[in-house]
Protein backbone atom coordinates (compact mmCIF):
# COMPACT_ATOMS: atom_id res chain seq x y z
CA MET A 1 8.56 -17.95 34.62
CA LEU A 2 9.81 -14.92 36.58
CA GLY A 3 10.86 -15.70 40.15
CA GLY A 4 7.59 -17.37 41.04
CA MET A 5 5.51 -14.85 39.08
CA SER A 6 2.75 -16.92 37.50
CA ILE A 7 1.14 -15.57 34.36
CA HIS A 8 -1.86 -17.90 34.49
CA SER A 9 -5.38 -16.58 34.86
CA ILE A 10 -7.22 -16.86 38.14
CA ASP A 11 -8.76 -20.30 38.70
CA ALA A 12 -12.54 -20.08 39.06
CA LYS A 13 -12.52 -23.07 41.48
CA ARG A 14 -10.66 -21.16 44.18
CA PRO A 15 -12.53 -19.71 47.21
CA PRO A 16 -14.75 -16.65 46.60
CA ILE A 17 -12.74 -13.67 45.42
CA VAL A 18 -13.00 -10.27 47.08
CA ARG A 19 -11.41 -7.01 46.00
CA ASP A 20 -8.49 -6.58 48.36
CA ILE A 21 -5.57 -5.55 46.10
CA VAL A 22 -5.28 -1.80 45.44
CA VAL A 23 -2.76 -0.47 42.91
CA VAL A 24 -2.15 3.28 42.91
CA GLY A 25 -0.34 5.41 40.36
CA GLY A 26 0.57 9.07 40.32
CA SER A 27 3.21 11.54 39.27
CA ALA A 28 3.56 15.30 39.75
CA GLY A 29 1.32 16.43 42.60
CA GLY A 30 0.43 12.85 43.46
CA LEU A 31 2.18 12.63 46.82
CA SER A 32 -0.03 15.14 48.62
CA THR A 33 -3.14 13.68 46.97
CA LEU A 34 -2.23 10.16 48.01
CA GLY A 35 -1.56 11.33 51.53
CA GLY A 36 -5.11 12.67 51.61
CA VAL A 37 -6.50 9.36 50.38
CA LEU A 38 -4.54 7.20 52.82
CA SER A 39 -5.30 9.45 55.79
CA ARG A 40 -9.00 8.60 55.39
CA LEU A 41 -8.55 4.82 55.34
CA PRO A 42 -9.31 2.93 58.57
CA GLU A 43 -6.52 1.30 60.55
CA ASP A 44 -8.19 -2.10 60.11
CA CYS A 45 -8.33 -1.80 56.31
CA ARG A 46 -7.84 -5.33 54.94
CA ALA A 47 -6.50 -4.38 51.54
CA ALA A 48 -2.91 -4.68 50.39
CA ILE A 49 -2.07 -1.34 48.74
CA PHE A 50 0.75 -0.87 46.22
CA VAL A 51 1.94 2.55 45.12
CA VAL A 52 4.02 3.83 42.24
CA LEU A 53 4.87 7.52 42.30
CA HIS A 54 7.45 8.70 39.80
CA ILE A 55 10.65 9.17 41.77
CA PRO A 56 13.62 11.21 40.48
CA ASP A 57 16.75 9.12 40.04
CA ASP A 58 19.07 11.74 41.47
CA ARG A 59 17.92 11.79 45.09
CA PRO A 60 16.74 9.33 47.76
CA SER A 61 12.99 8.86 48.06
CA ARG A 62 11.16 9.88 51.21
CA VAL A 63 7.77 8.79 49.87
CA ALA A 64 7.25 6.00 52.41
CA GLU A 65 8.27 8.26 55.28
CA VAL A 66 5.93 11.06 54.17
CA LEU A 67 2.99 8.71 53.62
CA GLN A 68 3.49 6.98 56.98
CA LYS A 69 2.78 10.30 58.69
CA CYS A 70 -0.65 10.35 56.99
CA CYS A 71 -1.56 6.68 57.19
CA ALA A 72 -2.67 4.46 60.08
CA MET A 73 -1.48 1.33 58.26
CA PRO A 74 2.22 0.40 58.04
CA VAL A 75 3.95 1.93 55.00
CA ARG A 76 7.14 0.41 53.60
CA PHE A 77 9.25 0.26 50.48
CA GLY A 78 8.82 -2.92 48.48
CA GLU A 79 11.41 -5.69 48.65
CA ASP A 80 11.85 -8.52 46.16
CA GLU A 81 9.96 -11.67 47.22
CA GLN A 82 8.12 -9.73 49.94
CA PRO A 83 4.79 -11.46 50.74
CA ILE A 84 1.58 -9.71 49.74
CA GLU A 85 0.01 -8.84 53.09
CA PRO A 86 -3.38 -7.24 53.82
CA GLY A 87 -3.42 -4.07 55.88
CA THR A 88 -0.14 -2.72 54.48
CA VAL A 89 0.98 -0.05 52.01
CA THR A 90 3.94 -0.90 49.78
CA VAL A 91 5.74 1.85 47.86
CA ALA A 92 7.93 1.33 44.79
CA GLN A 93 11.62 1.85 45.36
CA ARG A 94 13.69 4.18 43.22
CA ASP A 95 14.97 2.68 39.94
CA ALA A 96 12.99 -0.58 40.05
CA HIS A 97 9.59 -1.57 38.70
CA LEU A 98 7.22 -2.78 41.44
CA LEU A 99 5.33 -5.86 40.20
CA LEU A 100 2.81 -8.21 41.78
CA GLY A 101 3.11 -11.96 41.58
CA VAL A 102 0.45 -14.34 42.89
CA ARG A 103 1.64 -14.23 46.51
CA HIS A 104 4.77 -12.06 46.45
CA VAL A 105 6.11 -8.69 45.35
CA HIS A 106 8.78 -8.56 42.68
CA LEU A 107 11.26 -5.78 41.92
CA ARG A 108 12.73 -5.69 38.41
CA ARG A 109 15.10 -3.26 36.70
CA GLY A 110 13.35 -3.77 33.38
CA PRO A 111 13.23 -1.16 30.62
CA ARG A 112 11.87 2.27 31.42
CA GLU A 113 8.33 3.06 30.38
CA ASN A 114 7.54 6.66 29.43
CA GLY A 115 10.96 7.53 30.78
CA PHE A 116 10.26 6.14 34.25
CA ARG A 117 11.42 3.24 36.40
CA PRO A 118 9.40 2.58 38.50
CA ALA A 119 6.49 3.13 36.11
CA ILE A 120 2.78 2.83 36.76
CA ASP A 121 1.77 0.72 33.76
CA PRO A 122 3.91 -2.36 34.65
CA LEU A 123 2.46 -2.46 38.18
CA PHE A 124 -1.10 -2.28 36.87
CA ARG A 125 -0.46 -4.95 34.20
CA SER A 126 1.03 -7.29 36.80
CA ALA A 127 -2.15 -6.83 38.86
CA VAL A 128 -4.20 -7.81 35.80
CA VAL A 129 -2.16 -10.95 35.14
CA ASN A 130 -1.63 -12.20 38.67
CA GLN A 131 -4.45 -10.74 40.78
CA GLY A 132 -7.30 -10.48 38.26
CA GLY A 133 -10.65 -10.04 39.96
CA ARG A 134 -9.11 -8.93 43.26
CA ALA A 135 -7.71 -5.66 41.92
CA ILE A 136 -8.83 -2.04 42.25
CA GLY A 137 -7.03 0.72 40.34
CA VAL A 138 -6.51 4.25 41.65
CA ILE A 139 -5.03 7.16 39.66
CA VAL A 140 -4.10 10.50 41.21
CA SER A 141 -2.50 13.72 40.00
CA GLY A 142 0.20 13.42 37.34
CA ALA A 143 1.69 14.89 34.19
CA LEU A 144 1.74 13.05 30.86
CA HIS A 145 0.08 9.65 30.45
CA ASP A 146 2.02 6.85 32.22
CA GLY A 147 -0.70 4.86 33.98
CA ALA A 148 -3.48 5.32 31.42
CA SER A 149 -2.69 2.09 29.56
CA GLY A 150 -2.39 0.15 32.80
CA ALA A 151 -5.71 1.53 34.03
CA ARG A 152 -7.36 0.47 30.77
CA ALA A 153 -5.82 -3.01 31.11
CA LEU A 154 -7.37 -3.33 34.59
CA SER A 155 -10.75 -2.11 33.36
CA ARG A 156 -10.70 -4.76 30.62
CA VAL A 157 -10.85 -7.46 33.30
CA GLY A 158 -13.59 -5.69 35.24
CA ALA A 159 -11.52 -3.90 37.88
CA PRO A 160 -13.01 -0.67 39.26
CA ILE A 161 -10.95 2.42 38.35
CA LEU A 162 -11.09 5.40 40.73
CA VAL A 163 -9.54 8.66 39.51
CA GLU A 164 -8.83 11.97 41.19
CA HIS A 165 -11.15 14.44 39.49
CA PRO A 166 -9.15 16.36 36.85
CA ASP A 167 -10.72 19.64 37.99
CA ARG A 168 -9.30 19.05 41.47
CA ALA A 169 -5.91 17.58 40.53
CA GLU A 170 -2.80 19.75 40.73
CA TYR A 171 -1.67 18.16 37.46
CA PRO A 172 -4.76 16.95 35.56
CA GLN A 173 -3.08 15.37 32.50
CA LEU A 174 -2.93 11.82 33.86
CA PRO A 175 -6.45 11.82 35.37
CA LEU A 176 -7.78 13.25 32.09
CA ALA A 177 -5.97 10.58 30.05
CA VAL A 178 -7.45 7.81 32.20
CA SER A 179 -10.97 9.24 32.12
CA ASP A 180 -10.67 9.46 28.31
CA ILE A 181 -9.50 5.88 27.84
CA VAL A 182 -11.57 4.13 30.57
CA ASP A 183 -15.27 4.70 29.96
CA ASP A 184 -16.45 3.67 33.42
CA ALA A 185 -13.69 5.35 35.45
CA ARG A 186 -15.11 7.22 38.44
CA CYS A 187 -13.67 10.75 38.72
CA LEU A 188 -13.94 11.91 42.33
CA ALA A 189 -12.69 14.53 44.73
CA ILE A 190 -10.23 13.17 47.30
CA ALA A 191 -12.71 12.68 50.15
CA ASP A 192 -15.18 10.96 47.82
CA LEU A 193 -12.42 8.86 46.25
CA SER A 194 -11.36 7.63 49.70
CA ALA A 195 -14.96 6.80 50.61
CA ALA A 196 -15.46 4.94 47.32
CA LEU A 197 -12.27 2.99 47.91
CA VAL A 198 -13.39 1.96 51.41
CA GLU A 199 -16.76 0.89 50.00
CA THR A 200 -15.16 -1.13 47.20
CA ILE A 201 -12.55 -2.96 49.29
CA GLY A 202 -13.96 -6.35 50.31
CA THR A 203 -16.72 -6.44 47.70
CA PRO A 204 -16.97 -9.55 45.50
CA GLY A 205 -14.52 -9.65 42.61
CA ARG A 206 -14.92 -11.42 39.31
CA PRO A 207 -14.44 -15.15 39.99
CA SER A 208 -12.83 -15.86 36.63
CA VAL A 209 -10.65 -13.50 34.62
CA ASP A 210 -9.35 -14.16 31.14
CA VAL A 211 -6.13 -12.17 30.88
CA PRO A 212 -5.87 -10.39 27.51
CA GLU A 213 -2.95 -11.79 25.54
CA ASP A 214 -1.51 -8.36 24.75
CA VAL A 215 -1.41 -7.45 28.45
CA ARG A 216 0.33 -10.73 29.24
CA LEU A 217 2.89 -10.11 26.47
CA GLU A 218 3.61 -6.56 27.56
CA LEU A 219 4.20 -7.68 31.14
CA MET A 220 6.73 -10.22 29.83
CA VAL A 221 8.46 -7.45 27.83
CA SER A 222 8.53 -5.18 30.90
CA THR A 223 10.30 -7.87 32.92
CA LEU A 224 12.64 -8.98 30.09
CA GLU A 225 11.01 -12.40 30.35
CA LYS A 226 11.33 -14.32 27.06
CA ALA A 227 10.72 -11.12 25.08
CA ARG A 228 11.90 -11.15 21.44
CA MET A 229 11.43 -8.90 18.42
CA SER A 230 8.64 -11.25 17.35
CA THR A 231 6.75 -10.24 20.53
CA GLU A 232 6.43 -6.65 19.30
CA HIS A 233 5.22 -7.90 15.91
CA ARG A 234 2.33 -9.54 17.78
CA LEU A 235 1.55 -6.29 19.59
CA GLY A 236 1.63 -3.78 16.75
CA ALA A 237 3.02 -2.50 13.47
CA LEU A 238 6.61 -1.50 12.74
CA THR A 239 7.20 2.25 12.33
CA PRO A 240 10.05 4.41 10.94
CA PHE A 241 10.57 5.95 14.40
CA ASN A 242 13.53 5.24 16.67
CA CYS A 243 13.51 4.64 20.41
CA PRO A 244 14.89 7.70 22.24
CA ASP A 245 16.45 5.44 24.89
CA CYS A 246 18.27 2.81 22.80
CA ASN A 247 17.83 3.99 19.18
CA GLY A 248 16.05 0.75 18.24
CA VAL A 249 13.00 0.67 16.01
CA LEU A 250 9.57 1.28 17.53
CA TRP A 251 6.37 -0.68 17.04
CA GLU A 252 3.05 1.19 17.10
CA ILE A 253 0.44 -0.29 19.43
CA GLU A 254 -3.24 0.64 19.27
CA ASP A 255 -4.53 0.55 22.83
CA GLY A 256 -8.22 1.41 22.44
CA PRO A 257 -8.27 5.13 21.59
CA MET A 258 -4.66 5.52 22.74
CA VAL A 259 -1.63 4.99 20.48
CA ARG A 260 1.58 3.83 22.13
CA TYR A 261 5.07 2.79 21.00
CA ARG A 262 7.46 0.09 22.21
CA CYS A 263 10.91 -1.03 21.07
CA HIS A 264 12.10 -4.64 21.09
CA THR A 265 14.25 -4.07 24.18
CA GLY A 266 11.10 -2.98 26.01
CA HIS A 267 11.21 0.81 26.29
CA ALA A 268 7.68 2.14 25.97
CA PHE A 269 6.14 5.53 25.24
CA THR A 270 2.69 6.97 24.85
CA SER A 271 2.42 9.19 21.79
CA ASP A 272 2.45 12.37 23.89
CA VAL A 273 5.58 11.26 25.77
CA LEU A 274 7.32 10.32 22.51
CA GLU A 275 6.46 13.72 21.01
CA ASN A 276 7.72 15.43 24.17
CA VAL A 277 11.02 13.51 24.04
CA GLN A 278 11.45 14.27 20.33
CA GLU A 279 10.78 17.96 20.99
CA LYS A 280 13.52 18.04 23.61
CA GLU A 281 15.90 16.22 21.27
CA VAL A 282 15.26 18.70 18.44
CA GLU A 283 15.86 21.59 20.84
CA ARG A 284 19.10 20.00 22.07
CA LYS A 285 20.37 19.57 18.52
CA LEU A 286 19.44 23.14 17.59
CA TYR A 287 21.44 24.45 20.53
CA GLU A 288 24.35 22.23 19.52
CA ALA A 289 24.17 23.65 15.99
CA LEU A 290 24.00 27.21 17.36
CA ARG A 291 27.08 26.60 19.50
CA ALA A 292 28.97 25.07 16.56
CA GLN A 293 28.13 27.95 14.20
CA ARG A 294 29.17 30.58 16.73
CA GLU A 295 32.43 28.75 17.41
CA ARG A 296 33.18 28.50 13.68
CA ALA A 297 32.52 32.23 13.18
CA HIS A 298 34.80 33.08 16.10
CA LEU A 299 37.53 30.76 14.82
CA LEU A 300 37.39 32.25 11.32
CA ARG A 301 37.67 35.79 12.69
CA SER A 302 40.67 34.74 14.76
CA MET A 303 42.21 33.29 11.61
CA ALA A 304 41.35 36.46 9.66
CA ALA A 305 43.15 38.63 12.23
CA ARG A 306 46.31 36.64 11.54
CA ALA A 307 45.93 36.43 7.76
CA PRO A 308 49.02 37.70 5.89
CA ASP A 309 47.06 39.69 3.27
CA GLU A 310 43.81 41.57 2.75
CA ARG A 311 42.43 39.01 0.32
CA GLY A 312 42.76 36.20 2.87
CA ARG A 313 41.26 38.36 5.62
CA SER A 314 38.29 39.30 3.44
CA ARG A 315 37.63 35.69 2.48
CA LEU A 316 37.70 34.50 6.08
CA GLU A 317 35.55 37.40 7.29
CA GLY A 318 32.99 36.59 4.58
CA ARG A 319 32.77 32.99 5.73
CA ALA A 320 32.38 34.14 9.35
CA GLU A 321 29.50 36.39 8.34
CA GLY A 322 27.83 33.41 6.68
CA TYR A 323 28.03 31.46 9.92
CA ASP A 324 26.61 34.49 11.77
CA GLU A 325 23.63 34.42 9.41
CA ASP A 326 23.16 30.71 10.07
CA SER A 327 23.30 31.43 13.82
CA SER A 328 20.60 34.07 13.46
CA MET A 329 18.37 31.60 11.63
CA ILE A 330 18.83 28.99 14.37
CA GLU A 331 18.11 31.60 17.05
CA SER A 332 14.89 32.52 15.26
CA LEU A 333 13.89 28.85 15.15
CA LEU A 334 14.52 28.45 18.87
CA LEU A 335 12.55 31.61 19.69
CA SER A 336 9.63 30.54 17.51
CA ARG A 337 9.48 27.14 19.24
CA ALA A 338 9.33 28.84 22.64
CA SER A 339 6.40 31.10 21.67
């Protein structure tokens, strides 16, 4: 058990369930989009809204401050054990996953997902496990695919998924990924998305939700709660790939049409993010090799200039020319990758 975070399904004997929990995810371009959505919500909106926007680690976040200027409801950064309250907007803090319990918010410095903490997928999975039929998912502009798996997890328990239309999004990759993986996602322009959200809030939710076991397990991994290597074996198949964050082995997870990867310490990647990280790593190593070859050629020429005889100078110059040729090959590789 994680600080009061129950992982039990919603009890069908409780009072009638209405949709009053909204989880929102976005990345590049998402802040202005979300401001447009929130600005159209009424002041007496009875939903509790939770937001993850990818926040750079190297500077303080002004997300809550910016959104408050657009929104009639109070906007605040999430705090651990903060009660879930209707009529409020809670924004993920920098460097902590924002998760929903049954009655409270939880902040956890669990493993990064798709290179991010906070990440969208853990928030959405926590809504599946602990809020079930009350949840509504919203996806706005973003690059890469963090949030697609979480949106699919919500749709599997019947939650409505509203998506900024890819043709209108500043960065359409995330909305496209969600529309591809969630068959009944509604892709809407901002004004229509806001109207659909207002219409959906307060409607009856599913009275009983069976939480998929894989979603429950992945939430436990995200929070470092009783996760073991055997957990990943239950989620997918072992691969020959290594985790870019900790160098551990990765398991391949089939998530509907999407393929994802997770290591046993919890780091997670969609296939496009993993490919992107590997591409950057290959480029970094090529530049390291280019630097090393140039340094070796320069060193050999310095040694040749001090050689006591022509034979020694010629030998050292020949080796330097070989390193120059290697450098030219590496330069060609780098140029070809950029084209």
